[in-house]
Amino acid sequence: MREYLDSKSQKKVALLERIFYAENHTCTQEELLNELNITYPTLISTIKTINFDIERFGYKAFSIVHSAPNLSYTLKISDNCSIQLIINAYIRESPKFQILETLLLASFPNLQVLANEVHVSYSGIKKEIKELNEELRERNLSISTGSQVEITGDEFSLRIFYTFLFLVAYSGDRWPFSFVQYDEITDILESCPKEIYRANSIDKAMMIHYYVPMHLLRDRMNCQIDTTRQFKVALYKACTEESKKSESAFIKKVAKQVPNRSYKEMTYTTQIILSTIVAFGSYSSIEKMPSFFYMDEQLEE
C-alpha cells in the first residue's frame, strides 16, 4: 500500500526509514543529504514536518532528535513501538486512501464534489481514480464516474478488499467502525461454531475482527450480496447439533446489528460470514476439518 503515498509522504517515509534502520537509529547529516539527495534546508524542514506529523498522529513515543555536536539525527522510539504505525498514518491521509474510504460509505453526484470532500484538485482526483481503477479491476471492482461517482462491482469482493485495506492501514492501532465496537464483535464471534473458529484464539483475530464489521456495515447500507452469486466452495451449513445451536445464536447476534431482515436473509448473510472465516483459516485452535466438509452432500460429490 505504499503506492498510495503521495510524493511528499514518500520522501518523509524514506527519511524516517533511513534513520530507523541505521545503527542505534542514528544517521549523520552527511549520510542523509547524500543518500536521499536533498539539500540541508530541505532536510531541516522535512524533519520539522515529520515531528509535527508524529505529534499530530498522536504517537508521542516517536521523535527525531538533532545532535548538534555530532551533526547527527536520532529517531527516539519507545520499546515495543513500530515505525509502521507512522507509515500507516501517512497512508490513511493519502488521497488514494481517502477516496477509497469515502466511497465505501457514500456516492457523489460528480467528481468535483468528491474532490472537495477529500481536498484534492479536480485534475488530481481524475489522476488518482485512474490509477486506483488499474488496481481495482484486478478485483472485479471499479470507481464509476458516470451518472454518479461510486465504487461498483462484485459486492463480496468489495468486502474482502476493504477488509484488507483497513487491516493494513489501521493495523489494529485504531478502530475504524463507528457503529460497533471491537468487544461487540468479539461477543458475536463467541457464538461462532467452535468447529470453525474460537473467539479466544489469537489466530488471525484482527483480520476476523475487521472482516465481520465490514460485512455488517455493507449489509446495514443495504448493499447485498446477490443470492445467485457462485462461490468456489459450498456455503457453511451446520451439521451437528452443537454447531446448529451455535449457528442459531450467531444469527441472532448478527441480526441485532442488521435489523429488519427476514430469517432467510439473515441465514444467507451469516452463512457467508462463517464461510469466509473458514476460508481465512487454518487456525491452530481447530484440530480437525469442520464437519460440514464431509457431511454436506454438495461437497461430498
C-alpha atoms as a PDB file:
ATOM      1  CA  MET A   1       0.000   0.000   0.000  1.00  0.00           C
ATOM      2  CA  ARG A   2       2.993   2.293  -0.111  1.00  0.00           C
ATOM      3  CA  GLU A   3       1.971   3.096  -3.661  1.00  0.00           C
ATOM      4  CA  TYR A   4      -0.905   5.071  -2.124  1.00  0.00           C
ATOM      5  CA  LEU A   5       1.528   7.605  -0.653  1.00  0.00           C
ATOM      6  CA  ASP A   6       1.940  10.905  -2.476  1.00  0.00           C
ATOM      7  CA  SER A   7       5.447  12.135  -3.342  1.00  0.00           C
ATOM      8  CA  LYS A   8       5.800  14.308  -0.221  1.00  0.00           C
ATOM      9  CA  SER A   9       4.842  11.479   2.105  1.00  0.00           C
ATOM     10  CA  GLN A  10       7.136   9.074   0.258  1.00  0.00           C
ATOM     11  CA  LYS A  11      10.069  11.395   0.950  1.00  0.00           C
ATOM     12  CA  LYS A  12       9.139  11.639   4.621  1.00  0.00           C
ATOM     13  CA  VAL A  13       8.891   7.864   4.915  1.00  0.00           C
ATOM     14  CA  ALA A  14      12.224   7.414   3.128  1.00  0.00           C
ATOM     15  CA  LEU A  15      13.920   9.718   5.636  1.00  0.00           C
ATOM     16  CA  LEU A  16      12.235   8.042   8.590  1.00  0.00           C
ATOM     17  CA  GLU A  17      13.237   4.572   7.459  1.00  0.00           C
ATOM     18  CA  ARG A  18      16.806   5.600   6.708  1.00  0.00           C
ATOM     19  CA  ILE A  19      17.241   6.759  10.299  1.00  0.00           C
ATOM     20  CA  PHE A  20      15.235   3.908  11.812  1.00  0.00           C
ATOM     21  CA  TYR A  21      17.235   1.135  10.141  1.00  0.00           C
ATOM     22  CA  ALA A  22      20.594   2.752  10.868  1.00  0.00           C
ATOM     23  CA  GLU A  23      22.699   1.546  13.795  1.00  0.00           C
ATOM     24  CA  ASN A  24      21.225   2.875  17.050  1.00  0.00           C
ATOM     25  CA  HIS A  25      18.563   4.611  14.919  1.00  0.00           C
ATOM     26  CA  THR A  26      21.117   7.333  14.198  1.00  0.00           C
ATOM     27  CA  CYS A  27      22.335   8.878  10.919  1.00  0.00           C
ATOM     28  CA  THR A  28      24.827  11.634  10.288  1.00  0.00           C
ATOM     29  CA  GLN A  29      23.699  14.739   8.493  1.00  0.00           C
ATOM     30  CA  GLU A  30      26.044  13.940   5.613  1.00  0.00           C
ATOM     31  CA  GLU A  31      24.574  10.451   5.167  1.00  0.00           C
ATOM     32  CA  LEU A  32      21.058  11.815   4.921  1.00  0.00           C
ATOM     33  CA  LEU A  33      21.983  14.595   2.498  1.00  0.00           C
ATOM     34  CA  ASN A  34      23.908  12.284   0.188  1.00  0.00           C
ATOM     35  CA  GLU A  35      21.756   9.161   0.267  1.00  0.00           C
ATOM     36  CA  LEU A  36      18.433  10.965  -0.005  1.00  0.00           C
ATOM     37  CA  ASN A  37      19.829  13.512  -2.463  1.00  0.00           C
ATOM     38  CA  ILE A  38      18.374  16.524  -0.658  1.00  0.00           C
ATOM     39  CA  THR A  39      19.635  19.925   0.428  1.00  0.00           C
ATOM     40  CA  TYR A  40      20.262  20.996   4.007  1.00  0.00           C
ATOM     41  CA  PRO A  41      17.220  23.345   4.127  1.00  0.00           C
ATOM     42  CA  THR A  42      15.035  20.512   2.795  1.00  0.00           C
ATOM     43  CA  LEU A  43      16.406  18.134   5.435  1.00  0.00           C
ATOM     44  CA  ILE A  44      15.646  20.569   8.254  1.00  0.00           C
ATOM     45  CA  SER A  45      12.134  21.385   7.024  1.00  0.00           C
ATOM     46  CA  THR A  46      11.314  17.710   6.388  1.00  0.00           C
ATOM     47  CA  ILE A  47      12.391  16.643   9.877  1.00  0.00           C
ATOM     48  CA  LYS A  48      10.434  19.506  11.396  1.00  0.00           C
ATOM     49  CA  THR A  49       7.348  18.462   9.434  1.00  0.00           C
ATOM     50  CA  ILE A  50       7.775  14.792  10.379  1.00  0.00           C
ATOM     51  CA  ASN A  51       7.982  15.640  14.087  1.00  0.00           C
ATOM     52  CA  PHE A  52       4.878  17.800  13.729  1.00  0.00           C
ATOM     53  CA  ASP A  53       3.067  14.971  11.923  1.00  0.00           C
ATOM     54  CA  ILE A  54       4.080  12.412  14.549  1.00  0.00           C
ATOM     55  CA  GLU A  55       2.645  14.601  17.302  1.00  0.00           C
ATOM     56  CA  ARG A  56      -0.484  15.234  15.240  1.00  0.00           C
ATOM     57  CA  PHE A  57      -0.919  11.485  14.716  1.00  0.00           C
ATOM     58  CA  GLY A  58      -0.772  11.010  18.481  1.00  0.00           C
ATOM     59  CA  TYR A  59       2.411   8.923  18.564  1.00  0.00           C
ATOM     60  CA  LYS A  60       4.337  10.560  21.384  1.00  0.00           C
ATOM     61  CA  ALA A  61       6.632   7.535  21.595  1.00  0.00           C
ATOM     62  CA  PHE A  62       8.474   8.775  18.488  1.00  0.00           C
ATOM     63  CA  SER A  63      10.558  11.845  17.654  1.00  0.00           C
ATOM     64  CA  ILE A  64      13.599  12.745  15.568  1.00  0.00           C
ATOM     65  CA  VAL A  65      16.234  14.454  17.708  1.00  0.00           C
ATOM     66  CA  HIS A  66      19.151  16.510  16.374  1.00  0.00           C
ATOM     67  CA  SER A  67      22.593  16.253  17.961  1.00  0.00           C
ATOM     68  CA  ALA A  68      24.441  19.471  17.100  1.00  0.00           C
ATOM     69  CA  PRO A  69      27.917  18.369  18.307  1.00  0.00           C
ATOM     70  CA  ASN A  70      27.824  15.197  16.179  1.00  0.00           C
ATOM     71  CA  LEU A  71      25.824  16.641  13.283  1.00  0.00           C
ATOM     72  CA  SER A  72      23.548  13.621  13.518  1.00  0.00           C
ATOM     73  CA  TYR A  73      19.864  12.749  13.835  1.00  0.00           C
ATOM     74  CA  THR A  74      18.393  10.030  16.044  1.00  0.00           C
ATOM     75  CA  LEU A  75      14.923   8.549  15.994  1.00  0.00           C
ATOM     76  CA  LYS A  76      13.812   8.266  19.615  1.00  0.00           C
ATOM     77  CA  ILE A  77      11.416   5.375  19.899  1.00  0.00           C
ATOM     78  CA  SER A  78       9.858   3.628  22.887  1.00  0.00           C
ATOM     79  CA  ASP A  79      10.112  -0.121  23.323  1.00  0.00           C
ATOM     80  CA  ASN A  80       7.515  -2.242  21.522  1.00  0.00           C
ATOM     81  CA  CYS A  81       6.631   0.564  19.124  1.00  0.00           C
ATOM     82  CA  SER A  82       6.823   0.109  15.378  1.00  0.00           C
ATOM     83  CA  ILE A  83       7.669   2.674  12.739  1.00  0.00           C
ATOM     84  CA  GLN A  84       4.911   1.053  10.674  1.00  0.00           C
ATOM     85  CA  LEU A  85       2.396   2.959  12.812  1.00  0.00           C
ATOM     86  CA  ILE A  86       3.675   6.237  11.391  1.00  0.00           C
ATOM     87  CA  ILE A  87       3.809   4.900   7.840  1.00  0.00           C
ATOM     88  CA  ASN A  88       0.216   3.679   8.141  1.00  0.00           C
ATOM     89  CA  ALA A  89      -0.862   7.097   9.399  1.00  0.00           C
ATOM     90  CA  TYR A  90       0.616   8.661   6.260  1.00  0.00           C
ATOM     91  CA  ILE A  91      -1.203   6.048   4.158  1.00  0.00           C
ATOM     92  CA  ARG A  92      -4.521   6.932   5.827  1.00  0.00           C
ATOM     93  CA  GLU A  93      -4.004  10.574   4.899  1.00  0.00           C
ATOM     94  CA  SER A  94      -3.088   9.818   1.286  1.00  0.00           C
ATOM     95  CA  PRO A  95      -5.542  10.957  -1.421  1.00  0.00           C
ATOM     96  CA  LYS A  96      -5.989   7.393  -2.703  1.00  0.00           C
ATOM     97  CA  PHE A  97      -6.936   6.007   0.697  1.00  0.00           C
ATOM     98  CA  GLN A  98      -9.194   8.985   1.409  1.00  0.00           C
ATOM     99  CA  ILE A  99     -11.002   8.402  -1.884  1.00  0.00           C
ATOM    100  CA  LEU A 100     -11.495   4.698  -1.200  1.00  0.00           C
ATOM    101  CA  GLU A 101     -12.631   5.202   2.386  1.00  0.00           C
ATOM    102  CA  THR A 102     -15.050   7.955   1.369  1.00  0.00           C
ATOM    103  CA  LEU A 103     -16.573   5.902  -1.465  1.00  0.00           C
ATOM    104  CA  LEU A 104     -17.112   2.957   0.866  1.00  0.00           C
ATOM    105  CA  LEU A 105     -19.745   4.969   2.700  1.00  0.00           C
ATOM    106  CA  ALA A 106     -21.248   7.234   0.047  1.00  0.00           C
ATOM    107  CA  SER A 107     -21.618   8.092  -3.625  1.00  0.00           C
ATOM    108  CA  PHE A 108     -21.245  11.583  -5.109  1.00  0.00           C
ATOM    109  CA  PRO A 109     -23.056  13.417  -7.925  1.00  0.00           C
ATOM    110  CA  ASN A 110     -19.838  14.332  -9.730  1.00  0.00           C
ATOM    111  CA  LEU A 111     -16.057  14.363  -9.461  1.00  0.00           C
ATOM    112  CA  GLN A 112     -15.865  17.942  -8.236  1.00  0.00           C
ATOM    113  CA  VAL A 113     -17.987  17.195  -5.167  1.00  0.00           C
ATOM    114  CA  LEU A 114     -15.787  14.199  -4.328  1.00  0.00           C
ATOM    115  CA  ALA A 115     -12.654  16.286  -4.953  1.00  0.00           C
ATOM    116  CA  ASN A 116     -13.918  18.884  -2.472  1.00  0.00           C
ATOM    117  CA  GLU A 117     -14.708  16.159   0.068  1.00  0.00           C
ATOM    118  CA  VAL A 118     -11.186  14.705   0.025  1.00  0.00           C
ATOM    119  CA  HIS A 119      -9.439  18.063  -0.539  1.00  0.00           C
ATOM    120  CA  VAL A 120      -7.922  17.212  -3.916  1.00  0.00           C
ATOM    121  CA  SER A 121      -7.961  19.269  -7.113  1.00  0.00           C
ATOM    122  CA  TYR A 122     -10.242  18.248  -9.981  1.00  0.00           C
ATOM    123  CA  SER A 123      -7.301  17.167 -12.133  1.00  0.00           C
ATOM    124  CA  GLY A 124      -5.814  15.395  -9.117  1.00  0.00           C
ATOM    125  CA  ILE A 125      -8.973  13.383  -8.424  1.00  0.00           C
ATOM    126  CA  LYS A 126      -9.111  12.213 -12.049  1.00  0.00           C
ATOM    127  CA  LYS A 127      -5.499  11.062 -11.886  1.00  0.00           C
ATOM    128  CA  GLU A 128      -5.955   9.259  -8.560  1.00  0.00           C
ATOM    129  CA  ILE A 129      -9.115   7.467  -9.724  1.00  0.00           C
ATOM    130  CA  LYS A 130      -7.472   6.374 -12.965  1.00  0.00           C
ATOM    131  CA  GLU A 131      -4.594   4.823 -11.010  1.00  0.00           C
ATOM    132  CA  LEU A 132      -6.921   3.232  -8.456  1.00  0.00           C
ATOM    133  CA  ASN A 133      -9.047   1.663 -11.189  1.00  0.00           C
ATOM    134  CA  GLU A 134      -5.996  -0.113 -12.567  1.00  0.00           C
ATOM    135  CA  GLU A 135      -5.704  -1.877  -9.203  1.00  0.00           C
ATOM    136  CA  LEU A 136      -9.426  -2.359  -8.620  1.00  0.00           C
ATOM    137  CA  ARG A 137     -10.073  -4.018 -11.977  1.00  0.00           C
ATOM    138  CA  GLU A 138      -7.988  -6.974 -10.825  1.00  0.00           C
ATOM    139  CA  ARG A 139     -10.547  -7.435  -8.026  1.00  0.00           C
ATOM    140  CA  ASN A 140     -13.693  -7.101 -10.174  1.00  0.00           C
ATOM    141  CA  LEU A 141     -14.223  -3.594  -8.820  1.00  0.00           C
ATOM    142  CA  SER A 142     -14.062  -0.086 -10.252  1.00  0.00           C
ATOM    143  CA  ILE A 143     -14.776   3.530  -9.402  1.00  0.00           C
ATOM    144  CA  SER A 144     -17.546   4.572 -11.753  1.00  0.00           C
ATOM    145  CA  THR A 145     -17.726   8.232 -12.810  1.00  0.00           C
ATOM    146  CA  GLY A 146     -20.848   8.024 -14.991  1.00  0.00           C
ATOM    147  CA  SER A 147     -24.158   9.296 -13.645  1.00  0.00           C
ATOM    148  CA  GLN A 148     -22.546   9.451 -10.205  1.00  0.00           C
ATOM    149  CA  VAL A 149     -19.199   8.693  -8.610  1.00  0.00           C
ATOM    150  CA  GLU A 150     -19.323   5.393  -6.746  1.00  0.00           C
ATOM    151  CA  ILE A 151     -17.442   2.164  -6.256  1.00  0.00           C
ATOM    152  CA  THR A 152     -19.061  -0.668  -8.175  1.00  0.00           C
ATOM    153  CA  GLY A 153     -18.511  -4.349  -8.833  1.00  0.00           C
ATOM    154  CA  ASP A 154     -18.845  -7.653  -7.041  1.00  0.00           C
ATOM    155  CA  GLU A 155     -20.103  -6.948  -3.525  1.00  0.00           C
ATOM    156  CA  PHE A 156     -18.344  -9.860  -1.850  1.00  0.00           C
ATOM    157  CA  SER A 157     -15.033  -8.916  -3.487  1.00  0.00           C
ATOM    158  CA  LEU A 158     -15.561  -5.357  -2.269  1.00  0.00           C
ATOM    159  CA  ARG A 159     -15.948  -6.512   1.331  1.00  0.00           C
ATOM    160  CA  ILE A 160     -12.786  -8.590   1.161  1.00  0.00           C
ATOM    161  CA  PHE A 161     -10.833  -5.778  -0.497  1.00  0.00           C
ATOM    162  CA  TYR A 162     -11.848  -3.223   2.137  1.00  0.00           C
ATOM    163  CA  THR A 163     -11.185  -5.664   4.967  1.00  0.00           C
ATOM    164  CA  PHE A 164      -7.548  -5.995   3.949  1.00  0.00           C
ATOM    165  CA  LEU A 165      -7.298  -2.294   3.088  1.00  0.00           C
ATOM    166  CA  PHE A 166      -8.421  -1.312   6.592  1.00  0.00           C
ATOM    167  CA  LEU A 167      -6.406  -4.078   8.233  1.00  0.00           C
ATOM    168  CA  VAL A 168      -3.213  -2.708   6.700  1.00  0.00           C
ATOM    169  CA  ALA A 169      -3.988   0.998   7.036  1.00  0.00           C
ATOM    170  CA  TYR A 170      -5.311   0.866  10.599  1.00  0.00           C
ATOM    171  CA  SER A 171      -3.164  -2.136  11.608  1.00  0.00           C
ATOM    172  CA  GLY A 172      -5.133  -2.772  14.764  1.00  0.00           C
ATOM    173  CA  ASP A 173      -3.921   0.554  16.129  1.00  0.00           C
ATOM    174  CA  ARG A 174      -7.270   2.271  15.641  1.00  0.00           C
ATOM    175  CA  TRP A 175     -10.820   1.022  15.241  1.00  0.00           C
ATOM    176  CA  PRO A 176     -12.374   2.339  12.008  1.00  0.00           C
ATOM    177  CA  PHE A 177     -16.004   1.299  12.602  1.00  0.00           C
ATOM    178  CA  SER A 178     -18.213   3.783  14.427  1.00  0.00           C
ATOM    179  CA  PHE A 179     -21.408   1.693  14.540  1.00  0.00           C
ATOM    180  CA  VAL A 180     -19.926  -1.199  16.507  1.00  0.00           C
ATOM    181  CA  GLN A 181     -17.093  -1.684  18.981  1.00  0.00           C
ATOM    182  CA  TYR A 182     -14.323  -4.282  18.943  1.00  0.00           C
ATOM    183  CA  ASP A 183     -15.632  -6.076  22.031  1.00  0.00           C
ATOM    184  CA  GLU A 184     -19.098  -6.309  20.448  1.00  0.00           C
ATOM    185  CA  ILE A 185     -17.568  -8.165  17.510  1.00  0.00           C
ATOM    186  CA  THR A 186     -15.785 -10.432  19.986  1.00  0.00           C
ATOM    187  CA  ASP A 187     -19.148 -11.149  21.605  1.00  0.00           C
ATOM    188  CA  ILE A 188     -20.635 -12.090  18.228  1.00  0.00           C
ATOM    189  CA  LEU A 189     -17.681 -14.350  17.467  1.00  0.00           C
ATOM    190  CA  GLU A 190     -18.098 -16.150  20.783  1.00  0.00           C
ATOM    191  CA  SER A 191     -21.230 -17.713  19.281  1.00  0.00           C
ATOM    192  CA  CYS A 192     -19.374 -18.850  16.177  1.00  0.00           C
ATOM    193  CA  PRO A 193     -19.496 -22.655  15.800  1.00  0.00           C
ATOM    194  CA  LYS A 194     -16.398 -23.931  17.573  1.00  0.00           C
ATOM    195  CA  GLU A 195     -15.607 -26.286  14.705  1.00  0.00           C
ATOM    196  CA  ILE A 196     -14.594 -23.340  12.527  1.00  0.00           C
ATOM    197  CA  TYR A 197     -13.390 -20.600  14.902  1.00  0.00           C
ATOM    198  CA  ARG A 198     -12.758 -19.953  18.586  1.00  0.00           C
ATOM    199  CA  ALA A 199     -13.148 -16.368  19.728  1.00  0.00           C
ATOM    200  CA  ASN A 200     -10.358 -16.648  22.297  1.00  0.00           C
ATOM    201  CA  SER A 201      -7.867 -17.670  19.612  1.00  0.00           C
ATOM    202  CA  ILE A 202      -5.205 -15.186  18.536  1.00  0.00           C
ATOM    203  CA  ASP A 203      -5.016 -16.763  15.070  1.00  0.00           C
ATOM    204  CA  LYS A 204      -5.977 -14.096  12.542  1.00  0.00           C
ATOM    205  CA  ALA A 205      -8.025 -12.410  15.285  1.00  0.00           C
ATOM    206  CA  MET A 206      -7.535  -8.901  13.917  1.00  0.00           C
ATOM    207  CA  MET A 207      -8.388  -9.939  10.362  1.00  0.00           C
ATOM    208  CA  ILE A 208     -11.601 -11.630  11.525  1.00  0.00           C
ATOM    209  CA  HIS A 209     -12.472  -8.633  13.699  1.00  0.00           C
ATOM    210  CA  TYR A 210     -12.131  -6.362  10.663  1.00  0.00           C
ATOM    211  CA  TYR A 211     -13.981  -8.599   8.213  1.00  0.00           C
ATOM    212  CA  VAL A 212     -17.109  -9.137  10.330  1.00  0.00           C
ATOM    213  CA  PRO A 213     -17.915  -5.419  10.885  1.00  0.00           C
ATOM    214  CA  MET A 214     -17.096  -4.685   7.227  1.00  0.00           C
ATOM    215  CA  HIS A 215     -19.645  -7.312   6.226  1.00  0.00           C
ATOM    216  CA  LEU A 216     -22.188  -5.924   8.702  1.00  0.00           C
ATOM    217  CA  LEU A 217     -21.566  -2.345   7.568  1.00  0.00           C
ATOM    218  CA  ARG A 218     -22.357  -3.150   3.944  1.00  0.00           C
ATOM    219  CA  ASP A 219     -25.455  -5.101   4.979  1.00  0.00           C
ATOM    220  CA  ARG A 220     -26.613  -2.119   7.039  1.00  0.00           C
ATOM    221  CA  MET A 221     -26.168   0.028   3.930  1.00  0.00           C
ATOM    222  CA  ASN A 222     -28.438  -2.398   2.021  1.00  0.00           C
ATOM    223  CA  CYS A 223     -25.562  -3.390  -0.253  1.00  0.00           C
ATOM    224  CA  GLN A 224     -26.487  -7.032  -0.541  1.00  0.00           C
ATOM    225  CA  ILE A 225     -24.524  -9.936  -1.977  1.00  0.00           C
ATOM    226  CA  ASP A 226     -26.548 -11.424  -4.826  1.00  0.00           C
ATOM    227  CA  THR A 227     -28.091 -14.739  -3.796  1.00  0.00           C
ATOM    228  CA  THR A 228     -27.250 -16.119  -7.251  1.00  0.00           C
ATOM    229  CA  ARG A 229     -23.545 -15.438  -6.779  1.00  0.00           C
ATOM    230  CA  GLN A 230     -21.422 -18.523  -7.241  1.00  0.00           C
ATOM    231  CA  PHE A 231     -18.787 -19.270  -4.599  1.00  0.00           C
ATOM    232  CA  LYS A 232     -15.862 -21.617  -5.155  1.00  0.00           C
ATOM    233  CA  VAL A 233     -16.941 -23.749  -2.204  1.00  0.00           C
ATOM    234  CA  ALA A 234     -20.297 -24.537  -0.652  1.00  0.00           C
ATOM    235  CA  LEU A 235     -21.514 -22.065   1.952  1.00  0.00           C
ATOM    236  CA  TYR A 236     -21.251 -23.172   5.562  1.00  0.00           C
ATOM    237  CA  LYS A 237     -24.085 -25.268   6.926  1.00  0.00           C
ATOM    238  CA  ALA A 238     -24.122 -26.566  10.490  1.00  0.00           C
ATOM    239  CA  CYS A 239     -24.397 -30.349  10.557  1.00  0.00           C
ATOM    240  CA  THR A 240     -24.013 -31.335  14.212  1.00  0.00           C
ATOM    241  CA  GLU A 241     -26.439 -30.412  16.981  1.00  0.00           C
ATOM    242  CA  GLU A 242     -23.783 -28.388  18.787  1.00  0.00           C
ATOM    243  CA  SER A 243     -22.942 -26.428  15.644  1.00  0.00           C
ATOM    244  CA  LYS A 244     -26.625 -25.841  14.862  1.00  0.00           C
ATOM    245  CA  LYS A 245     -27.137 -24.285  18.304  1.00  0.00           C
ATOM    246  CA  SER A 246     -24.064 -22.093  17.865  1.00  0.00           C
ATOM    247  CA  GLU A 247     -25.127 -21.065  14.373  1.00  0.00           C
ATOM    248  CA  SER A 248     -28.586 -20.091  15.643  1.00  0.00           C
ATOM    249  CA  ALA A 249     -27.056 -17.979  18.430  1.00  0.00           C
ATOM    250  CA  PHE A 250     -24.667 -16.424  15.909  1.00  0.00           C
ATOM    251  CA  ILE A 251     -27.548 -15.472  13.602  1.00  0.00           C
ATOM    252  CA  LYS A 252     -29.438 -13.836  16.492  1.00  0.00           C
ATOM    253  CA  LYS A 253     -26.426 -11.718  17.462  1.00  0.00           C
ATOM    254  CA  VAL A 254     -25.770 -10.659  13.876  1.00  0.00           C
ATOM    255  CA  ALA A 255     -29.475  -9.778  13.486  1.00  0.00           C
ATOM    256  CA  LYS A 256     -29.131  -7.204  16.281  1.00  0.00           C
ATOM    257  CA  GLN A 257     -26.568  -5.361  14.166  1.00  0.00           C
ATOM    258  CA  VAL A 258     -28.552  -5.718  10.931  1.00  0.00           C
ATOM    259  CA  PRO A 259     -32.220  -5.171  11.873  1.00  0.00           C
ATOM    260  CA  ASN A 260     -35.323  -5.554   9.709  1.00  0.00           C
ATOM    261  CA  ARG A 261     -34.124  -8.590   7.781  1.00  0.00           C
ATOM    262  CA  SER A 262     -36.012 -11.810   7.187  1.00  0.00           C
ATOM    263  CA  TYR A 263     -34.718 -15.045   8.679  1.00  0.00           C
ATOM    264  CA  LYS A 264     -33.835 -16.236   5.174  1.00  0.00           C
ATOM    265  CA  GLU A 265     -31.760 -13.104   4.547  1.00  0.00           C
ATOM    266  CA  MET A 266     -30.028 -13.426   7.901  1.00  0.00           C
ATOM    267  CA  THR A 267     -29.246 -17.085   7.302  1.00  0.00           C
ATOM    268  CA  TYR A 268     -27.683 -16.302   3.921  1.00  0.00           C
ATOM    269  CA  THR A 269     -25.539 -13.420   5.150  1.00  0.00           C
ATOM    270  CA  THR A 270     -24.313 -15.334   8.218  1.00  0.00           C
ATOM    271  CA  GLN A 271     -23.501 -18.330   6.020  1.00  0.00           C
ATOM    272  CA  ILE A 272     -21.216 -16.054   4.028  1.00  0.00           C
ATOM    273  CA  ILE A 273     -19.593 -14.676   7.190  1.00  0.00           C
ATOM    274  CA  LEU A 274     -18.940 -18.155   8.559  1.00  0.00           C
ATOM    275  CA  SER A 275     -17.701 -19.480   5.211  1.00  0.00           C
ATOM    276  CA  THR A 276     -15.312 -16.554   4.908  1.00  0.00           C
ATOM    277  CA  ILE A 277     -13.957 -17.236   8.387  1.00  0.00           C
ATOM    278  CA  VAL A 278     -13.330 -20.816   7.284  1.00  0.00           C
ATOM    279  CA  ALA A 279     -11.611 -19.550   4.125  1.00  0.00           C
ATOM    280  CA  PHE A 280      -9.323 -17.306   6.194  1.00  0.00           C
ATOM    281  CA  GLY A 281      -8.013 -20.404   8.096  1.00  0.00           C
ATOM    282  CA  SER A 282      -6.273 -22.551   9.045  1.00  0.00           C
ATOM    283  CA  TYR A 283      -6.351 -21.951  12.799  1.00  0.00           C
ATOM    284  CA  SER A 284      -4.117 -23.681  15.317  1.00  0.00           C
ATOM    285  CA  SER A 285      -7.049 -23.924  17.747  1.00  0.00           C
ATOM    286  CA  ILE A 286      -9.045 -26.005  15.217  1.00  0.00           C
ATOM    287  CA  GLU A 287      -7.652 -29.526  15.269  1.00  0.00           C
ATOM    288  CA  LYS A 288      -9.818 -31.186  12.612  1.00  0.00           C
ATOM    289  CA  MET A 289     -11.779 -30.352   9.494  1.00  0.00           C
ATOM    290  CA  PRO A 290     -15.255 -28.832  10.158  1.00  0.00           C
ATOM    291  CA  SER A 291     -17.987 -31.463   9.896  1.00  0.00           C
ATOM    292  CA  PHE A 292     -19.828 -29.724   7.054  1.00  0.00           C
ATOM    293  CA  PHE A 293     -16.898 -30.516   4.761  1.00  0.00           C
ATOM    294  CA  TYR A 294     -17.649 -34.242   4.897  1.00  0.00           C
ATOM    295  CA  MET A 295     -21.370 -34.192   5.748  1.00  0.00           C
ATOM    296  CA  ASP A 296     -22.551 -31.699   3.117  1.00  0.00           C
ATOM    297  CA  GLU A 297     -23.935 -33.515   0.035  1.00  0.00           C
ATOM    298  CA  GLN A 298     -22.607 -30.924  -2.426  1.00  0.00           C
ATOM    299  CA  LEU A 299     -19.079 -31.215  -1.067  1.00  0.00           C
ATOM    300  CA  GLU A 300     -19.317 -34.996  -0.906  1.00  0.00           C
ATOM    301  CA  GLU A 301     -19.991 -35.072  -4.647  1.00  0.00           C
END
